[in-house]
C-alpha atoms as a PDB file:
ATOM      1  CA  MET A   1      23.928 124.218 140.622  1.00  0.00           C
ATOM      2  CA  ILE A   2      21.346 125.581 138.239  1.00  0.00           C
ATOM      3  CA  ARG A   3      20.777 128.838 140.031  1.00  0.00           C
ATOM      4  CA  ARG A   4      24.158 129.074 140.594  1.00  0.00           C
ATOM      5  CA  THR A   5      31.150 131.346 124.610  1.00  0.00           C
ATOM      6  CA  HIS A   6      30.917 128.879 120.353  1.00  0.00           C
ATOM      7  CA  LEU A   7      28.298 125.944 119.858  1.00  0.00           C
ATOM      8  CA  ALA A   8      29.406 126.034 116.229  1.00  0.00           C
ATOM      9  CA  LEU A   9      26.665 127.168 113.876  1.00  0.00           C
ATOM     10  CA  LEU A  10      24.120 126.768 116.660  1.00  0.00           C
ATOM     11  CA  VAL A  11      20.703 128.291 116.258  1.00  0.00           C
ATOM     12  CA  PHE A  12      18.218 128.399 119.114  1.00  0.00           C
ATOM     13  CA  LEU A  13      14.539 128.764 118.343  1.00  0.00           C
ATOM     14  CA  LEU A  14      11.376 128.325 120.326  1.00  0.00           C
ATOM     15  CA  CYS A  15       9.390 126.607 117.669  1.00  0.00           C
ATOM     16  CA  PRO A  16       5.753 125.647 118.265  1.00  0.00           C
ATOM     17  CA  VAL A  17       5.568 123.699 114.991  1.00  0.00           C
ATOM     18  CA  PHE A  18       7.907 121.085 116.491  1.00  0.00           C
ATOM     19  CA  SER A  19       5.314 119.858 118.940  1.00  0.00           C
ATOM     20  CA  LEU A  20       5.272 116.236 120.003  1.00  0.00           C
ATOM     21  CA  SER A  21       1.950 115.738 118.289  1.00  0.00           C
ATOM     22  CA  ALA A  22       3.304 116.997 114.973  1.00  0.00           C
ATOM     23  CA  GLY A  23       6.555 115.032 115.045  1.00  0.00           C
ATOM     24  CA  LYS A  24       6.703 111.272 114.579  1.00  0.00           C
ATOM     25  CA  GLU A  25       9.211 110.209 117.170  1.00  0.00           C
ATOM     26  CA  ILE A  26       9.139 106.462 116.655  1.00  0.00           C
ATOM     27  CA  GLN A  27      12.717 105.302 117.177  1.00  0.00           C
ATOM     28  CA  SER A  28      14.946 104.873 120.180  1.00  0.00           C
ATOM     29  CA  ASP A  29      18.350 103.295 120.688  1.00  0.00           C
ATOM     30  CA  PRO A  30      19.735 101.547 123.779  1.00  0.00           C
ATOM     31  CA  GLY A  31      22.974 103.480 123.280  1.00  0.00           C
ATOM     32  CA  TRP A  32      21.206 106.724 124.072  1.00  0.00           C
ATOM     33  CA  ALA A  33      20.145 105.418 127.472  1.00  0.00           C
ATOM     34  CA  ALA A  34      23.624 106.138 128.861  1.00  0.00           C
ATOM     35  CA  ILE A  35      23.359 109.767 127.715  1.00  0.00           C
ATOM     36  CA  THR A  36      19.957 110.039 129.362  1.00  0.00           C
ATOM     37  CA  GLU A  37      21.240 108.488 132.582  1.00  0.00           C
ATOM     38  CA  ARG A  38      24.221 110.840 132.829  1.00  0.00           C
ATOM     39  CA  GLY A  39      21.994 113.830 132.095  1.00  0.00           C
ATOM     40  CA  ARG A  40      19.577 112.774 134.804  1.00  0.00           C
ATOM     41  CA  MET A  41      22.431 112.308 137.254  1.00  0.00           C
ATOM     42  CA  LEU A  42      23.676 115.813 136.448  1.00  0.00           C
ATOM     43  CA  ALA A  43      20.220 117.229 137.153  1.00  0.00           C
ATOM     44  CA  GLN A  44      19.981 115.361 140.461  1.00  0.00           C
ATOM     45  CA  TYR A  45      23.516 116.428 141.393  1.00  0.00           C
ATOM     46  CA  ASP A  46      22.571 120.014 140.617  1.00  0.00           C
ATOM     47  CA  THR A  47      19.492 119.884 142.826  1.00  0.00           C
ATOM     48  CA  ALA A  48      21.402 118.250 145.675  1.00  0.00           C
ATOM     49  CA  ALA A  49      24.220 120.789 145.496  1.00  0.00           C
ATOM     50  CA  TRP A  50      21.738 123.669 145.404  1.00  0.00           C
ATOM     51  CA  TYR A  51      19.760 122.699 148.498  1.00  0.00           C
ATOM     52  CA  ALA A  52      22.764 121.389 150.402  1.00  0.00           C
ATOM     53  CA  THR A  53      24.532 124.698 149.838  1.00  0.00           C
ATOM     54  CA  ASP A  54      21.487 126.575 151.147  1.00  0.00           C
ATOM     55  CA  ALA A  55      21.503 124.386 154.253  1.00  0.00           C
ATOM     56  CA  VAL A  56      25.215 124.959 154.874  1.00  0.00           C
ATOM     57  CA  GLU A  57      24.925 128.709 154.246  1.00  0.00           C
ATOM     58  CA  ALA A  58      22.388 128.909 157.069  1.00  0.00           C
ATOM     59  CA  LEU A  59      25.216 127.963 159.446  1.00  0.00           C
ATOM     60  CA  LYS A  60      27.304 130.941 158.277  1.00  0.00           C
ATOM     61  CA  PRO A  61      30.275 128.697 157.434  1.00  0.00           C
ATOM     62  CA  ASP A  62      33.916 129.640 157.170  1.00  0.00           C
ATOM     63  CA  LYS A  63      34.293 129.163 153.427  1.00  0.00           C
ATOM     64  CA  SER A  64      38.073 129.271 153.593  1.00  0.00           C
ATOM     65  CA  VAL A  65      38.143 125.859 155.276  1.00  0.00           C
ATOM     66  CA  ALA A  66      35.595 124.322 152.909  1.00  0.00           C
ATOM     67  CA  PRO A  67      36.036 125.851 149.451  1.00  0.00           C
ATOM     68  CA  MET A  68      34.915 122.743 147.528  1.00  0.00           C
ATOM     69  CA  TYR A  69      31.658 120.820 147.419  1.00  0.00           C
ATOM     70  CA  ILE A  70      31.253 117.326 145.980  1.00  0.00           C
ATOM     71  CA  ALA A  71      28.055 115.278 145.802  1.00  0.00           C
ATOM     72  CA  LYS A  72      27.510 111.549 145.575  1.00  0.00           C
ATOM     73  CA  THR A  73      24.665 109.088 145.904  1.00  0.00           C
ATOM     74  CA  VAL A  74      24.383 106.975 149.038  1.00  0.00           C
ATOM     75  CA  GLU A  75      21.765 104.471 150.157  1.00  0.00           C
ATOM     76  CA  SER A  76      19.549 107.183 151.643  1.00  0.00           C
ATOM     77  CA  GLY A  77      19.777 109.577 148.681  1.00  0.00           C
ATOM     78  CA  TRP A  78      22.346 112.280 147.976  1.00  0.00           C
ATOM     79  CA  GLU A  79      25.168 113.364 150.245  1.00  0.00           C
ATOM     80  CA  VAL A  80      27.175 116.532 149.705  1.00  0.00           C
ATOM     81  CA  ALA A  81      30.574 117.060 151.306  1.00  0.00           C
ATOM     82  CA  PHE A  82      32.038 120.532 151.771  1.00  0.00           C
ATOM     83  CA  GLY A  83      35.750 120.623 152.439  1.00  0.00           C
ATOM     84  CA  ARG A  84      39.250 120.721 150.998  1.00  0.00           C
ATOM     85  CA  LEU A  85      42.289 118.633 150.164  1.00  0.00           C
ATOM     86  CA  ASN A  86      44.918 118.392 152.892  1.00  0.00           C
ATOM     87  CA  ASP A  87      48.440 119.696 152.301  1.00  0.00           C
ATOM     88  CA  LYS A  88      49.714 116.311 151.149  1.00  0.00           C
ATOM     89  CA  ARG A  89      46.709 115.882 148.820  1.00  0.00           C
ATOM     90  CA  ASP A  90      46.157 112.364 150.123  1.00  0.00           C
ATOM     91  CA  ARG A  91      43.000 113.121 152.137  1.00  0.00           C
ATOM     92  CA  PHE A  92      39.837 115.112 151.509  1.00  0.00           C
ATOM     93  CA  LEU A  93      38.887 116.896 154.707  1.00  0.00           C
ATOM     94  CA  VAL A  94      35.100 116.969 155.072  1.00  0.00           C
ATOM     95  CA  VAL A  95      34.154 119.962 157.225  1.00  0.00           C
ATOM     96  CA  TYR A  96      30.407 119.987 156.549  1.00  0.00           C
ATOM     97  CA  GLN A  97      28.350 116.979 155.523  1.00  0.00           C
ATOM     98  CA  ALA A  98      24.854 117.528 154.122  1.00  0.00           C
ATOM     99  CA  SER A  99      22.508 114.542 153.872  1.00  0.00           C
ATOM    100  CA  GLN A 100      19.289 114.431 151.862  1.00  0.00           C
ATOM    101  CA  GLY A 101      16.024 113.720 153.642  1.00  0.00           C
ATOM    102  CA  ALA A 102      12.712 112.359 152.409  1.00  0.00           C
ATOM    103  CA  LYS A 103      12.341 115.127 149.816  1.00  0.00           C
ATOM    104  CA  PRO A 104      14.902 116.376 147.242  1.00  0.00           C
ATOM    105  CA  ASN A 105      14.991 119.820 148.876  1.00  0.00           C
ATOM    106  CA  GLU A 106      15.473 118.573 152.447  1.00  0.00           C
ATOM    107  CA  PHE A 107      19.041 118.478 153.744  1.00  0.00           C
ATOM    108  CA  THR A 108      20.425 118.228 157.247  1.00  0.00           C
ATOM    109  CA  VAL A 109      23.958 119.425 157.892  1.00  0.00           C
ATOM    110  CA  LYS A 110      26.595 118.254 160.335  1.00  0.00           C
ATOM    111  CA  LYS A 111      29.749 120.209 161.062  1.00  0.00           C
ATOM    112  CA  LEU A 112      32.596 117.762 161.567  1.00  0.00           C
ATOM    113  CA  ASP A 113      35.181 118.942 164.096  1.00  0.00           C
ATOM    114  CA  PRO A 114      37.758 117.645 163.593  1.00  0.00           C
ATOM    115  CA  PRO A 115      37.089 117.185 159.858  1.00  0.00           C
ATOM    116  CA  SER A 116      36.492 113.683 158.564  1.00  0.00           C
ATOM    117  CA  GLU A 117      39.383 112.398 156.424  1.00  0.00           C
ATOM    118  CA  ASP A 118      38.169 110.759 153.221  1.00  0.00           C
ATOM    119  CA  GLN A 119      40.379 108.607 150.996  1.00  0.00           C
ATOM    120  CA  GLY A 120      37.624 107.354 148.730  1.00  0.00           C
ATOM    121  CA  PHE A 121      35.324 109.049 146.238  1.00  0.00           C
ATOM    122  CA  TYR A 122      35.602 112.557 147.664  1.00  0.00           C
ATOM    123  CA  LEU A 123      39.398 112.456 147.513  1.00  0.00           C
ATOM    124  CA  SER A 124      39.437 111.188 143.923  1.00  0.00           C
ATOM    125  CA  ALA A 125      36.747 113.661 142.883  1.00  0.00           C
ATOM    126  CA  ALA A 126      38.565 116.628 144.429  1.00  0.00           C
ATOM    127  CA  LYS A 127      41.795 115.678 142.675  1.00  0.00           C
ATOM    128  CA  ALA A 128      39.881 115.174 139.418  1.00  0.00           C
ATOM    129  CA  ILE A 129      38.417 118.674 139.716  1.00  0.00           C
ATOM    130  CA  GLU A 130      41.879 120.127 140.306  1.00  0.00           C
ATOM    131  CA  THR A 131      43.306 118.250 137.311  1.00  0.00           C
ATOM    132  CA  ALA A 132      40.479 119.234 134.955  1.00  0.00           C
ATOM    133  CA  SER A 133      40.476 122.860 136.120  1.00  0.00           C
ATOM    134  CA  GLN A 134      44.085 123.270 135.036  1.00  0.00           C
ATOM    135  CA  ASP A 135      42.992 122.516 131.475  1.00  0.00           C
ATOM    136  CA  PHE A 136      39.651 124.329 131.607  1.00  0.00           C
ATOM    137  CA  GLY A 137      41.243 127.531 132.883  1.00  0.00           C
ATOM    138  CA  LYS A 138      39.457 130.548 134.315  1.00  0.00           C
ATOM    139  CA  PRO A 139      36.254 131.282 132.390  1.00  0.00           C
ATOM    140  CA  GLY A 140      34.840 134.763 132.038  1.00  0.00           C
ATOM    141  CA  ARG A 141      31.540 133.783 133.642  1.00  0.00           C
ATOM    142  CA  PRO A 142      30.361 131.550 136.516  1.00  0.00           C
ATOM    143  CA  TYR A 143      30.447 127.797 135.964  1.00  0.00           C
ATOM    144  CA  ASN A 144      29.301 124.846 138.028  1.00  0.00           C
ATOM    145  CA  THR A 145      31.376 121.699 138.384  1.00  0.00           C
ATOM    146  CA  TYR A 146      29.982 118.184 138.601  1.00  0.00           C
ATOM    147  CA  VAL A 147      31.727 114.858 139.210  1.00  0.00           C
ATOM    148  CA  LEU A 148      30.115 111.545 138.277  1.00  0.00           C
ATOM    149  CA  PRO A 149      31.475 108.007 138.443  1.00  0.00           C
ATOM    150  CA  ALA A 150      32.584 106.580 135.088  1.00  0.00           C
ATOM    151  CA  PRO A 151      33.306 102.985 134.005  1.00  0.00           C
ATOM    152  CA  LYS A 152      36.503 101.279 135.227  1.00  0.00           C
ATOM    153  CA  ASP A 153      36.615 103.442 138.380  1.00  0.00           C
ATOM    154  CA  GLN A 154      37.285 106.536 136.277  1.00  0.00           C
ATOM    155  CA  LEU A 155      35.541 109.871 136.798  1.00  0.00           C
ATOM    156  CA  TYR A 156      33.634 112.349 134.667  1.00  0.00           C
ATOM    157  CA  VAL A 157      34.137 116.026 135.460  1.00  0.00           C
ATOM    158  CA  TYR A 158      31.704 118.472 133.867  1.00  0.00           C
ATOM    159  CA  TYR A 159      31.888 122.238 133.515  1.00  0.00           C
ATOM    160  CA  LEU A 160      28.472 123.731 132.744  1.00  0.00           C
ATOM    161  CA  PRO A 161      27.597 127.448 132.653  1.00  0.00           C
ATOM    162  CA  ALA A 162      25.814 128.497 135.832  1.00  0.00           C
ATOM    163  CA  GLN A 163      22.430 130.152 135.866  1.00  0.00           C
ATOM    164  CA  THR A 164      22.882 133.687 137.175  1.00  0.00           C
ATOM    165  CA  THR A 165      19.390 135.112 136.569  1.00  0.00           C
ATOM    166  CA  ASP A 166      16.075 133.556 137.582  1.00  0.00           C
ATOM    167  CA  GLY A 167      14.187 132.358 134.529  1.00  0.00           C
ATOM    168  CA  VAL A 168      17.208 132.537 132.213  1.00  0.00           C
ATOM    169  CA  TYR A 169      18.768 129.160 131.396  1.00  0.00           C
ATOM    170  CA  PRO A 170      22.223 129.078 129.766  1.00  0.00           C
ATOM    171  CA  MET A 171      23.215 126.242 127.453  1.00  0.00           C
ATOM    172  CA  GLY A 172      26.513 125.609 125.692  1.00  0.00           C
ATOM    173  CA  ALA A 173      30.247 126.257 126.078  1.00  0.00           C
ATOM    174  CA  ASP A 174      30.361 123.139 128.220  1.00  0.00           C
ATOM    175  CA  VAL A 175      32.993 120.436 128.603  1.00  0.00           C
ATOM    176  CA  ARG A 176      33.124 116.879 129.881  1.00  0.00           C
ATOM    177  CA  TYR A 177      36.429 115.398 131.023  1.00  0.00           C
ATOM    178  CA  LEU A 178      37.144 111.736 131.607  1.00  0.00           C
ATOM    179  CA  LEU A 179      39.705 111.370 134.385  1.00  0.00           C
ATOM    180  CA  SER A 180      41.805 108.358 135.314  1.00  0.00           C
ATOM    181  CA  GLU A 181      41.153 106.381 138.474  1.00  0.00           C
ATOM    182  CA  GLY A 182      42.275 108.598 141.327  1.00  0.00           C
ATOM    183  CA  GLY A 183      41.698 111.769 139.290  1.00  0.00           C
ATOM    184  CA  ASN A 184      45.336 112.513 138.484  1.00  0.00           C
ATOM    185  CA  SER A 185      45.263 112.614 134.681  1.00  0.00           C
ATOM    186  CA  ILE A 186      42.896 113.473 131.827  1.00  0.00           C
ATOM    187  CA  VAL A 187      41.995 110.491 129.654  1.00  0.00           C
ATOM    188  CA  GLU A 188      39.634 112.334 127.309  1.00  0.00           C
ATOM    189  CA  LYS A 189      38.279 115.839 126.833  1.00  0.00           C
ATOM    190  CA  ARG A 190      34.905 116.237 125.152  1.00  0.00           C
ATOM    191  CA  GLN A 191      33.776 119.710 124.132  1.00  0.00           C
ATOM    192  CA  MET A 192      30.026 119.188 124.148  1.00  0.00           C
ATOM    193  CA  HIS A 193      29.046 122.623 122.817  1.00  0.00           C
ATOM    194  CA  LYS A 194      31.018 125.754 122.061  1.00  0.00           C
ATOM    195  CA  THR A 195      28.719 128.801 122.266  1.00  0.00           C
ATOM    196  CA  ILE A 196      26.462 129.801 125.151  1.00  0.00           C
ATOM    197  CA  LEU A 197      22.846 130.501 124.278  1.00  0.00           C
ATOM    198  CA  GLU A 198      20.240 131.500 126.825  1.00  0.00           C
ATOM    199  CA  PHE A 199      16.571 130.618 127.115  1.00  0.00           C
ATOM    200  CA  ASP A 200      14.736 133.539 128.721  1.00  0.00           C
ATOM    201  CA  VAL A 201      11.342 132.405 129.972  1.00  0.00           C
ATOM    202  CA  GLN A 202       9.807 135.877 130.172  1.00  0.00           C
ATOM    203  CA  ASP A 203      11.128 136.941 126.781  1.00  0.00           C
ATOM    204  CA  ALA A 204       9.902 133.753 125.128  1.00  0.00           C
ATOM    205  CA  SER A 205       6.501 133.939 126.816  1.00  0.00           C
ATOM    206  CA  GLY A 206       6.032 137.470 125.536  1.00  0.00           C
ATOM    207  CA  LYS A 207       6.621 136.408 121.930  1.00  0.00           C
ATOM    208  CA  MET A 208       4.204 133.489 121.720  1.00  0.00           C
ATOM    209  CA  LYS A 209       1.069 132.242 123.411  1.00  0.00           C
ATOM    210  CA  LYS A 210       2.426 128.793 124.177  1.00  0.00           C
ATOM    211  CA  ILE A 211       5.992 127.521 124.207  1.00  0.00           C
ATOM    212  CA  GLU A 212       5.881 124.071 122.636  1.00  0.00           C
ATOM    213  CA  SER A 213       9.569 123.166 122.426  1.00  0.00           C
ATOM    214  CA  GLY A 214      13.107 124.351 121.888  1.00  0.00           C
ATOM    215  CA  ILE A 215      15.486 123.462 119.093  1.00  0.00           C
ATOM    216  CA  HIS A 216      19.197 123.826 118.447  1.00  0.00           C
ATOM    217  CA  THR A 217      21.674 122.394 115.971  1.00  0.00           C
ATOM    218  CA  HIS A 218      25.346 121.624 116.393  1.00  0.00           C
ATOM    219  CA  VAL A 219      28.279 120.130 114.551  1.00  0.00           C
ATOM    220  CA  LEU A 220      30.449 118.726 117.318  1.00  0.00           C
ATOM    221  CA  SER A 221      28.660 115.381 117.507  1.00  0.00           C
ATOM    222  CA  ASN A 222      25.880 113.501 115.779  1.00  0.00           C
ATOM    223  CA  VAL A 223      23.932 112.662 118.925  1.00  0.00           C
ATOM    224  CA  PRO A 224      22.597 114.708 121.839  1.00  0.00           C
ATOM    225  CA  GLU A 225      24.996 115.394 124.693  1.00  0.00           C
ATOM    226  CA  ASP A 226      24.708 114.731 128.420  1.00  0.00           C
ATOM    227  CA  SER A 227      24.256 118.453 128.990  1.00  0.00           C
ATOM    228  CA  ASP A 228      21.359 118.591 126.503  1.00  0.00           C
ATOM    229  CA  VAL A 229      19.446 116.177 128.732  1.00  0.00           C
ATOM    230  CA  PHE A 230      20.425 118.169 131.820  1.00  0.00           C
ATOM    231  CA  TYR A 231      19.232 121.372 130.148  1.00  0.00           C
ATOM    232  CA  VAL A 232      15.810 119.893 129.369  1.00  0.00           C
ATOM    233  CA  LEU A 233      15.394 118.618 132.927  1.00  0.00           C
ATOM    234  CA  ALA A 234      16.513 121.907 134.495  1.00  0.00           C
ATOM    235  CA  ARG A 235      14.544 124.292 132.291  1.00  0.00           C
ATOM    236  CA  LYS A 236      11.165 125.610 133.423  1.00  0.00           C
ATOM    237  CA  PRO A 237       8.611 125.370 131.990  1.00  0.00           C
ATOM    238  CA  SER A 238       9.356 121.750 131.097  1.00  0.00           C
ATOM    239  CA  ILE A 239       9.363 121.427 127.322  1.00  0.00           C
ATOM    240  CA  PRO A 240      11.090 119.036 124.907  1.00  0.00           C
ATOM    241  CA  GLU A 241      14.236 120.007 123.025  1.00  0.00           C
ATOM    242  CA  TYR A 242      14.952 119.115 119.396  1.00  0.00           C
ATOM    243  CA  VAL A 243      18.586 118.621 118.420  1.00  0.00           C
ATOM    244  CA  GLY A 244      19.594 118.749 114.760  1.00  0.00           C
ATOM    245  CA  THR A 245      22.891 117.203 113.661  1.00  0.00           C
ATOM    246  CA  LEU A 246      25.089 117.493 110.573  1.00  0.00           C
ATOM    247  CA  ASP A 247      24.081 114.075 109.301  1.00  0.00           C
ATOM    248  CA  GLY A 248      20.558 115.389 108.781  1.00  0.00           C
ATOM    249  CA  LYS A 249      18.945 113.744 111.795  1.00  0.00           C
ATOM    250  CA  ILE A 250      16.709 115.433 114.316  1.00  0.00           C
ATOM    251  CA  TYR A 251      16.523 114.041 117.824  1.00  0.00           C
ATOM    252  CA  VAL A 252      14.009 114.952 120.482  1.00  0.00           C
ATOM    253  CA  ILE A 253      14.741 114.941 124.191  1.00  0.00           C
ATOM    254  CA  LEU A 254      11.511 114.464 126.109  1.00  0.00           C
ATOM    255  CA  VAL A 255      10.816 116.224 129.388  1.00  0.00           C
ATOM    256  CA  ASP A 256      11.893 113.117 131.338  1.00  0.00           C
ATOM    257  CA  GLY A 257      15.244 113.019 129.518  1.00  0.00           C
ATOM    258  CA  THR A 258      14.376 110.184 127.135  1.00  0.00           C
ATOM    259  CA  ILE A 259      16.020 110.547 123.708  1.00  0.00           C
ATOM    260  CA  LEU A 260      14.158 109.632 120.525  1.00  0.00           C
ATOM    261  CA  LEU A 261      14.980 110.013 116.856  1.00  0.00           C
ATOM    262  CA  GLY A 262      12.444 112.157 115.059  1.00  0.00           C
ATOM    263  CA  LYS A 263      11.224 111.137 111.633  1.00  0.00           C
END
């Protein structure tokens, strides 16, 4: 969750000359809509995990029986399950279930005793996290993990650097895995960025009167990444982000996550 290192040749600037009024963002592409959607889902997942965790913490839980949390969308909003795999790894034992209310920050928690045994999404997601973590290893800083549904009943597992200081937003050194149905094997590994850079709100505010936008460049892909959209949606104040690519293009991610090609 958001409060919860090399993007090759990446430069981060807070650049007021790249304002939306100065740029001429006139092009979009339906293919970018999927990137926007995944980025938005990551941001919603992050918010749900954050507030659900706060709600569970208020119960002073035994974390040894519920070391994992996994979120998913349900008809009423977001639901976050806190629990663990059973010894046979064929059930996910839900010990605490947090359900979203009318507002994004409202969660009610139920302790399930005995734990509910899930053989659906939570089981597959937990196994996917275990599988991906074996490849990702043990990082030298805190990371948050996210699991989203992927086409053909596969799963995306994301590792994004966690925010550890209020007002400082880390970006980079993030990975997206595509896992097989059931979460037992890695189909694809996508290194989205390589180096972590941090946007410090107070530091940036002290250097300029008004923060218009952010900008970074990278060489690992020629389009913005899911985590770029997430970063824009999570960062406060809300400002656009320009992404330069090796093919000479400059994209802009608007504050609602929409991706346009600058010209």
